[in-house]
Amino acid sequence: MNHLINLFKSRASNHNNEVVEKLDFKKRIANSDVKLIDVSTPLEFNRGHIKGASNSDIFNKNKFLKDLKFLDKKNPFCVYCQSGKRSRMASKILADLGF
């Protein structure tokens, strides 16, 4: 997790998507109830991930879209990956779906 992390916050009709740097990300998730979603492959996830994160592989589109059905748009969540490329892909999909 070296580059960009996409932080999603939803509040009623005020949806926003914010890209944050690593240090800011760490501050935001510390002592927080933000749901963490690692969009890496299961193999990469099993090699290491942030404690408490769930895995939703962006390259497995069907499972990724199915996993989104369980997200509450009213609660904040973060998507992340190792380099930032996949989290940006996930962010676009999420934004297109109204997150």
C-alpha atoms as a PDB file:
ATOM      1  CA  MET A   1       0.000   0.000   0.000  1.00  0.00           C
ATOM      2  CA  ASN A   2       2.333   2.670  -1.221  1.00  0.00           C
ATOM      3  CA  HIS A   3       0.334   5.101  -3.277  1.00  0.00           C
ATOM      4  CA  LEU A   4      -3.248   6.232  -3.423  1.00  0.00           C
ATOM      5  CA  ILE A   5      -6.215   5.047  -1.449  1.00  0.00           C
ATOM      6  CA  ASN A   6      -9.761   5.914  -2.373  1.00  0.00           C
ATOM      7  CA  LEU A   7     -11.929   6.955   0.523  1.00  0.00           C
ATOM      8  CA  PHE A   8     -15.673   6.918   0.070  1.00  0.00           C
ATOM      9  CA  LYS A   9     -18.003   8.743   2.388  1.00  0.00           C
ATOM     10  CA  SER A  10     -21.725   8.713   1.889  1.00  0.00           C
ATOM     11  CA  ARG A  11     -24.170  10.836   3.804  1.00  0.00           C
ATOM     12  CA  ALA A  12     -27.781  10.732   2.645  1.00  0.00           C
ATOM     13  CA  SER A  13     -27.735  12.602  -0.673  1.00  0.00           C
ATOM     14  CA  ASN A  14     -24.220  14.020  -0.252  1.00  0.00           C
ATOM     15  CA  HIS A  15     -22.016  11.426  -1.971  1.00  0.00           C
ATOM     16  CA  ASN A  16     -18.330  12.032  -2.410  1.00  0.00           C
ATOM     17  CA  ASN A  17     -15.181  10.188  -3.380  1.00  0.00           C
ATOM     18  CA  GLU A  18     -11.788  11.344  -2.194  1.00  0.00           C
ATOM     19  CA  VAL A  19      -8.280  10.129  -3.003  1.00  0.00           C
ATOM     20  CA  VAL A  20      -5.949  10.380  -0.014  1.00  0.00           C
ATOM     21  CA  GLU A  21      -2.259   9.728   0.560  1.00  0.00           C
ATOM     22  CA  LYS A  22      -0.965   6.915   2.759  1.00  0.00           C
ATOM     23  CA  LEU A  23      -0.357   8.949   5.954  1.00  0.00           C
ATOM     24  CA  ASP A  24      -3.730  10.679   5.755  1.00  0.00           C
ATOM     25  CA  PHE A  25      -5.372   7.298   5.158  1.00  0.00           C
ATOM     26  CA  LYS A  26      -3.760   5.862   8.293  1.00  0.00           C
ATOM     27  CA  LYS A  27      -5.028   8.794  10.345  1.00  0.00           C
ATOM     28  CA  ARG A  28      -8.555   8.503   8.979  1.00  0.00           C
ATOM     29  CA  ILE A  29      -8.938   4.802   9.671  1.00  0.00           C
ATOM     30  CA  ALA A  30      -7.319   4.874  13.134  1.00  0.00           C
ATOM     31  CA  ASN A  31      -9.959   4.426  15.824  1.00  0.00           C
ATOM     32  CA  SER A  32     -12.659   4.528  13.208  1.00  0.00           C
ATOM     33  CA  ASP A  33     -15.533   2.373  12.062  1.00  0.00           C
ATOM     34  CA  VAL A  34     -14.655   2.878   8.388  1.00  0.00           C
ATOM     35  CA  LYS A  35     -15.080  -0.382   6.463  1.00  0.00           C
ATOM     36  CA  LEU A  36     -11.917  -1.378   4.586  1.00  0.00           C
ATOM     37  CA  ILE A  37     -12.099  -3.164   1.259  1.00  0.00           C
ATOM     38  CA  ASP A  38      -8.923  -4.534  -0.299  1.00  0.00           C
ATOM     39  CA  VAL A  39      -9.508  -4.899  -4.061  1.00  0.00           C
ATOM     40  CA  SER A  40      -6.423  -7.085  -4.626  1.00  0.00           C
ATOM     41  CA  THR A  41      -6.527 -10.719  -5.702  1.00  0.00           C
ATOM     42  CA  PRO A  42      -7.195 -13.316  -2.977  1.00  0.00           C
ATOM     43  CA  LEU A  43      -3.566 -14.500  -3.220  1.00  0.00           C
ATOM     44  CA  GLU A  44      -2.257 -10.972  -2.653  1.00  0.00           C
ATOM     45  CA  PHE A  45      -4.782 -10.431   0.139  1.00  0.00           C
ATOM     46  CA  ASN A  46      -3.641 -13.614   1.879  1.00  0.00           C
ATOM     47  CA  ARG A  47      -0.021 -12.458   1.656  1.00  0.00           C
ATOM     48  CA  GLY A  48      -0.895  -9.362   3.649  1.00  0.00           C
ATOM     49  CA  HIS A  49      -3.657  -6.857   4.219  1.00  0.00           C
ATOM     50  CA  ILE A  50      -4.815  -4.270   6.723  1.00  0.00           C
ATOM     51  CA  LYS A  51      -6.318  -5.863   9.803  1.00  0.00           C
ATOM     52  CA  GLY A  52     -10.107  -5.924   9.579  1.00  0.00           C
ATOM     53  CA  ALA A  53     -10.227  -5.456   5.793  1.00  0.00           C
ATOM     54  CA  SER A  54     -12.409  -7.594   3.579  1.00  0.00           C
ATOM     55  CA  ASN A  55     -11.298  -8.768   0.163  1.00  0.00           C
ATOM     56  CA  SER A  56     -13.218  -8.045  -3.019  1.00  0.00           C
ATOM     57  CA  ASP A  57     -11.082  -8.787  -6.073  1.00  0.00           C
ATOM     58  CA  ILE A  58     -11.676  -6.075  -8.704  1.00  0.00           C
ATOM     59  CA  PHE A  59     -10.572  -8.508 -11.436  1.00  0.00           C
ATOM     60  CA  ASN A  60     -13.435 -10.875 -10.521  1.00  0.00           C
ATOM     61  CA  LYS A  61     -16.142  -8.461 -11.692  1.00  0.00           C
ATOM     62  CA  ASN A  62     -19.120 -10.709 -10.859  1.00  0.00           C
ATOM     63  CA  LYS A  63     -17.988 -11.260  -7.270  1.00  0.00           C
ATOM     64  CA  PHE A  64     -16.973  -7.612  -6.899  1.00  0.00           C
ATOM     65  CA  LEU A  65     -20.427  -6.415  -7.993  1.00  0.00           C
ATOM     66  CA  LYS A  66     -22.085  -9.018  -5.760  1.00  0.00           C
ATOM     67  CA  ASP A  67     -19.987  -7.834  -2.783  1.00  0.00           C
ATOM     68  CA  LEU A  68     -21.165  -4.252  -3.373  1.00  0.00           C
ATOM     69  CA  LYS A  69     -24.739  -5.282  -2.623  1.00  0.00           C
ATOM     70  CA  PHE A  70     -23.704  -5.735   1.010  1.00  0.00           C
ATOM     71  CA  LEU A  71     -22.322  -2.204   1.400  1.00  0.00           C
ATOM     72  CA  ASP A  72     -24.412   0.384   3.172  1.00  0.00           C
ATOM     73  CA  LYS A  73     -24.131   3.627   1.207  1.00  0.00           C
ATOM     74  CA  LYS A  74     -24.786   5.559   4.419  1.00  0.00           C
ATOM     75  CA  ASN A  75     -21.585   4.328   6.081  1.00  0.00           C
ATOM     76  CA  PRO A  76     -18.043   5.369   5.129  1.00  0.00           C
ATOM     77  CA  PHE A  77     -15.705   2.850   3.563  1.00  0.00           C
ATOM     78  CA  CYS A  78     -12.287   2.781   1.920  1.00  0.00           C
ATOM     79  CA  VAL A  79     -11.087   0.797  -1.056  1.00  0.00           C
ATOM     80  CA  TYR A  80      -7.378   0.180  -1.393  1.00  0.00           C
ATOM     81  CA  CYS A  81      -4.775  -1.925  -3.165  1.00  0.00           C
ATOM     82  CA  GLN A  82      -0.997  -2.104  -3.281  1.00  0.00           C
ATOM     83  CA  SER A  83      -0.285   0.443  -6.013  1.00  0.00           C
ATOM     84  CA  GLY A  84      -3.496   2.449  -6.362  1.00  0.00           C
ATOM     85  CA  LYS A  85      -4.354   1.279  -9.888  1.00  0.00           C
ATOM     86  CA  ARG A  86      -7.043  -1.216  -8.897  1.00  0.00           C
ATOM     87  CA  SER A  87      -8.501   1.046  -6.232  1.00  0.00           C
ATOM     88  CA  ARG A  88      -8.915   3.726  -8.917  1.00  0.00           C
ATOM     89  CA  MET A  89     -10.700   1.157 -11.114  1.00  0.00           C
ATOM     90  CA  ALA A  90     -12.933   0.203  -8.201  1.00  0.00           C
ATOM     91  CA  SER A  91     -13.591   3.867  -7.439  1.00  0.00           C
ATOM     92  CA  LYS A  92     -14.840   4.491 -10.951  1.00  0.00           C
ATOM     93  CA  ILE A  93     -17.215   1.533 -10.743  1.00  0.00           C
ATOM     94  CA  LEU A  94     -18.441   2.613  -7.328  1.00  0.00           C
ATOM     95  CA  ALA A  95     -18.981   6.194  -8.462  1.00  0.00           C
ATOM     96  CA  ASP A  96     -20.881   5.001 -11.535  1.00  0.00           C
ATOM     97  CA  LEU A  97     -23.124   2.976  -9.200  1.00  0.00           C
ATOM     98  CA  GLY A  98     -23.886   5.968  -6.998  1.00  0.00           C
ATOM     99  CA  PHE A  99     -21.468   5.420  -4.131  1.00  0.00           C
END
